Protein backbone atom coordinates (compact mmCIF):
# COMPACT_ATOMS: atom_id res chain seq x y z
CA MET A 1 0.22 0.26 -0.03
CA SER A 2 1.54 3.30 -0.94
CA SER A 3 1.88 5.96 1.43
CA ILE A 4 -0.70 8.13 -0.50
CA ALA A 5 -3.32 5.42 -0.07
CA LEU A 6 -2.29 5.07 3.72
CA ALA A 7 -3.05 8.45 4.21
CA ARG A 8 -6.28 8.55 2.50
CA ALA A 9 -7.57 5.58 4.40
CA TYR A 10 -6.54 7.26 7.69
CA GLN A 11 -8.07 10.36 6.76
CA GLN A 12 -11.42 8.56 5.56
CA SER A 13 -11.28 6.26 8.98
CA PHE A 14 -10.59 9.60 11.05
CA GLU A 15 -13.55 11.38 9.26
CA THR A 16 -16.04 8.37 9.52
CA HIS A 17 -14.64 7.08 13.39
CA PRO A 18 -12.56 9.75 14.36
CA TYR A 19 -12.30 8.12 18.24
CA GLY A 20 -11.57 5.09 17.10
CA THR A 21 -9.19 5.79 14.83
CA LEU A 22 -7.56 7.96 17.35
CA ALA A 23 -7.44 4.91 19.59
CA LEU A 24 -6.08 2.53 17.19
CA THR A 25 -3.50 4.78 15.63
CA ASN A 26 -2.47 5.86 19.46
CA GLY A 27 -1.96 2.30 20.34
CA ALA A 28 -0.26 0.99 17.43
CA LEU A 29 2.46 4.28 17.91
CA GLY A 30 2.48 3.22 21.71
CA ALA A 31 3.19 -0.39 20.93
CA LEU A 32 5.84 0.63 18.05
CA GLY A 33 7.64 2.72 20.27
CA ASP A 34 7.99 -0.13 22.98
CA ILE A 35 9.05 -2.70 20.41
CA VAL A 36 11.80 -0.01 19.12
CA ALA A 37 13.10 0.76 22.91
CA GLN A 38 13.00 -2.66 23.97
CA LEU A 39 14.88 -4.07 20.58
CA THR A 40 17.48 -1.10 21.07
CA GLN A 41 17.96 -1.91 24.84
CA ASN A 42 18.63 -5.57 23.82
CA LEU A 43 20.99 -4.38 21.65
CA VAL A 44 22.76 -2.11 24.05
CA ARG A 45 23.00 -4.76 26.88
CA ASN A 46 24.65 -6.99 24.63
CA LYS A 47 27.41 -4.65 24.13
CA LEU A 48 28.13 -5.91 20.49
CA CYS A 49 31.65 -5.28 19.32
CA PHE A 50 32.97 -6.41 15.68
CA PRO A 51 36.48 -8.14 15.82
CA ARG A 52 37.77 -8.72 12.39
CA VAL A 53 37.27 -12.45 11.34
CA PHE A 54 39.64 -13.66 8.69
CA ARG A 55 38.25 -16.07 5.95
CA ALA A 56 39.90 -17.19 3.38
CA GLU A 57 37.14 -16.07 1.14
CA SER A 58 36.98 -12.67 2.21
CA PRO A 59 39.97 -11.57 4.72
CA PHE A 60 37.97 -7.90 5.13
CA GLN A 61 34.60 -9.36 6.51
CA ILE A 62 33.32 -8.55 9.80
CA GLN A 63 31.18 -10.04 12.19
CA PRO A 64 29.50 -9.21 15.43
CA ARG A 65 30.80 -11.01 18.53
CA ARG A 66 28.87 -10.67 21.70
CA VAL A 67 30.81 -9.86 24.83
CA ASP A 68 27.78 -10.66 26.93
CA ASP A 69 25.57 -14.00 25.73
CA HIS A 70 22.97 -12.98 28.49
CA ARG A 71 20.06 -11.37 26.50
CA PRO A 72 16.92 -10.58 28.17
CA PRO A 73 13.90 -11.72 26.59
CA TYR A 74 11.37 -9.75 24.61
CA ASP A 75 8.41 -8.66 26.71
CA ILE A 76 5.40 -8.89 24.71
CA LEU A 77 3.43 -8.42 27.36
CA ARG A 78 4.94 -4.97 28.06
CA THR A 79 4.23 -4.08 24.62
CA VAL A 80 0.51 -5.21 24.87
CA ARG A 81 0.30 -2.89 27.93
CA PHE A 82 1.71 0.13 26.10
CA PHE A 83 -0.69 -0.74 23.08
CA ALA A 84 -3.57 -0.65 25.62
CA PHE A 85 -2.52 2.52 27.02
CA GLY A 86 -2.21 3.98 23.69
CA VAL A 87 -5.80 3.00 23.15
CA GLY A 88 -7.16 4.44 25.95
CA MET A 89 -5.13 7.87 25.61
CA GLY A 90 -6.02 8.49 22.14
CA PRO A 91 -9.69 9.78 22.33
CA VAL A 92 -8.88 11.86 25.58
CA ILE A 93 -5.28 13.17 23.91
CA GLY A 94 -7.95 14.13 20.68
CA ARG A 95 -10.57 16.01 22.88
CA TRP A 96 -7.70 17.55 24.77
CA ASN A 97 -6.55 18.81 21.29
CA PHE A 98 -9.84 19.77 20.03
CA PHE A 99 -10.09 21.82 23.31
CA LEU A 100 -6.70 23.88 22.88
CA GLU A 101 -7.70 24.35 19.32
CA ARG A 102 -11.03 25.81 20.00
CA HIS A 103 -9.36 27.98 23.31
CA PHE A 104 -6.07 28.74 22.08
CA PRO A 105 -6.55 29.03 18.02
CA LEU A 106 -2.69 29.55 16.37
CA ARG A 107 -4.50 31.76 13.35
CA PRO A 108 -6.53 34.59 13.95
CA SER A 109 -10.17 33.49 12.35
CA SER A 110 -10.86 37.11 11.64
CA ILE A 111 -8.75 37.73 9.31
CA ARG A 112 -10.08 36.69 5.84
CA MET A 113 -7.37 34.88 3.60
CA PRO A 114 -7.41 34.11 -0.14
CA GLN A 115 -8.54 30.75 -1.26
CA GLY A 116 -6.08 27.87 -0.02
CA GLN A 117 -3.96 30.43 2.08
CA GLN A 118 -3.68 30.58 5.82
CA GLY A 119 -3.00 33.27 8.11
CA LYS A 120 0.16 33.24 10.13
CA VAL A 121 0.63 31.49 13.38
CA SER A 122 0.60 33.34 16.49
CA LEU A 123 3.51 32.80 18.37
CA LYS A 124 1.66 34.35 21.41
CA ALA A 125 -1.30 31.63 20.88
CA LEU A 126 1.44 29.12 20.51
CA GLY A 127 3.32 29.77 23.39
CA LYS A 128 0.00 29.85 25.14
CA ARG A 129 -1.21 26.48 23.82
CA VAL A 130 2.21 24.87 24.61
CA ALA A 131 1.88 26.26 28.20
CA ALA A 132 -1.71 24.65 28.67
CA ASP A 133 -0.45 21.55 27.34
CA GLN A 134 2.48 21.06 29.56
CA LEU A 135 1.03 22.47 32.69
CA ILE A 136 -2.35 20.72 32.38
CA MET A 137 -2.31 17.53 30.29
CA ALA A 138 1.57 16.66 30.76
CA PRO A 139 0.83 15.95 34.34
CA ILE A 140 -2.22 14.55 34.21
CA GLY A 141 -1.08 12.07 31.21
CA LEU A 142 2.06 11.28 33.19
CA ALA A 143 -0.32 10.38 36.28
CA LEU A 144 -2.61 8.13 34.21
CA PHE A 145 0.33 6.34 32.23
CA LEU A 146 1.96 5.41 35.96
CA GLY A 147 -1.29 4.25 37.16
CA SER A 148 -2.53 2.36 34.51
CA MET A 149 0.78 0.82 33.83
CA GLY A 150 0.73 -0.05 37.55
CA VAL A 151 -2.29 -1.78 37.60
CA MET A 152 -1.88 -3.56 34.15
CA GLU A 153 1.44 -5.04 35.97
CA GLY A 154 -0.58 -6.41 38.62
CA ARG A 155 1.07 -3.80 41.29
CA ASP A 156 -0.87 -3.33 44.75
CA ARG A 157 -1.76 0.10 45.44
CA HIS A 158 1.34 0.44 47.74
CA HIS A 159 3.84 -0.65 45.18
CA ILE A 160 1.91 1.90 42.45
CA GLY A 161 2.21 4.79 45.28
CA GLU A 162 5.84 4.07 45.23
CA LYS A 163 6.05 4.25 41.52
CA TYR A 164 4.27 7.80 41.77
CA SER A 165 6.99 9.00 44.70
CA ASP A 166 9.85 7.90 42.44
CA LEU A 167 9.06 8.79 39.30
CA PHE A 168 6.59 11.38 38.77
CA LYS A 169 8.59 14.57 39.58
CA PRO A 170 11.46 13.62 37.18
CA LEU A 171 9.15 12.29 34.71
CA VAL A 172 7.49 15.51 34.78
CA LEU A 173 10.68 17.77 34.88
CA ALA A 174 12.11 15.57 31.79
CA ASN A 175 8.60 16.07 30.01
CA TRP A 176 9.05 19.96 30.63
CA GLN A 177 12.60 19.91 29.03
CA VAL A 178 11.69 17.92 26.09
CA TRP A 179 8.18 18.39 24.76
CA PRO A 180 7.82 22.41 24.70
CA LEU A 181 10.65 22.54 22.07
CA ALA A 182 9.13 19.61 20.14
CA GLN A 183 5.53 21.20 20.24
CA VAL A 184 6.89 24.68 18.60
């Protein structure tokens, strides 16, 4: 399927079933992100090095050699948890973005532009939108992430509370360092 056909299929699905499309897309992206993270983590843990291995047919061929043969297994249930979280959050994020677009429009609607053209993006409105997103939704999303992952991992209330105590503040601070620049 070509990328144009895929984009059209997505657009049609979004127009007819916006929340279902957001849920499945967000779930798939969450699962894909976890797959990449786990595979990368496994590669880094294995500490691949590339000594020269001389063979008669190819004296310059390089083959990987593992320094550490212990490879943690791929955690498919973790990927399923990321998919489930993404499915649940997709519609929530969709509604949040609708709220942001409505209350913090990036382009003034009062200025009439020629057909097919849009006005300039207001940096002030963009700043307000990013600030609202980071100050309101980022902490809520991170709290929901930590809590739902804890529940899906089968942790009890005490252990989930410990996760919040250990991770919530550093995650929010890291989020504030990365995402505002990505949103601009």
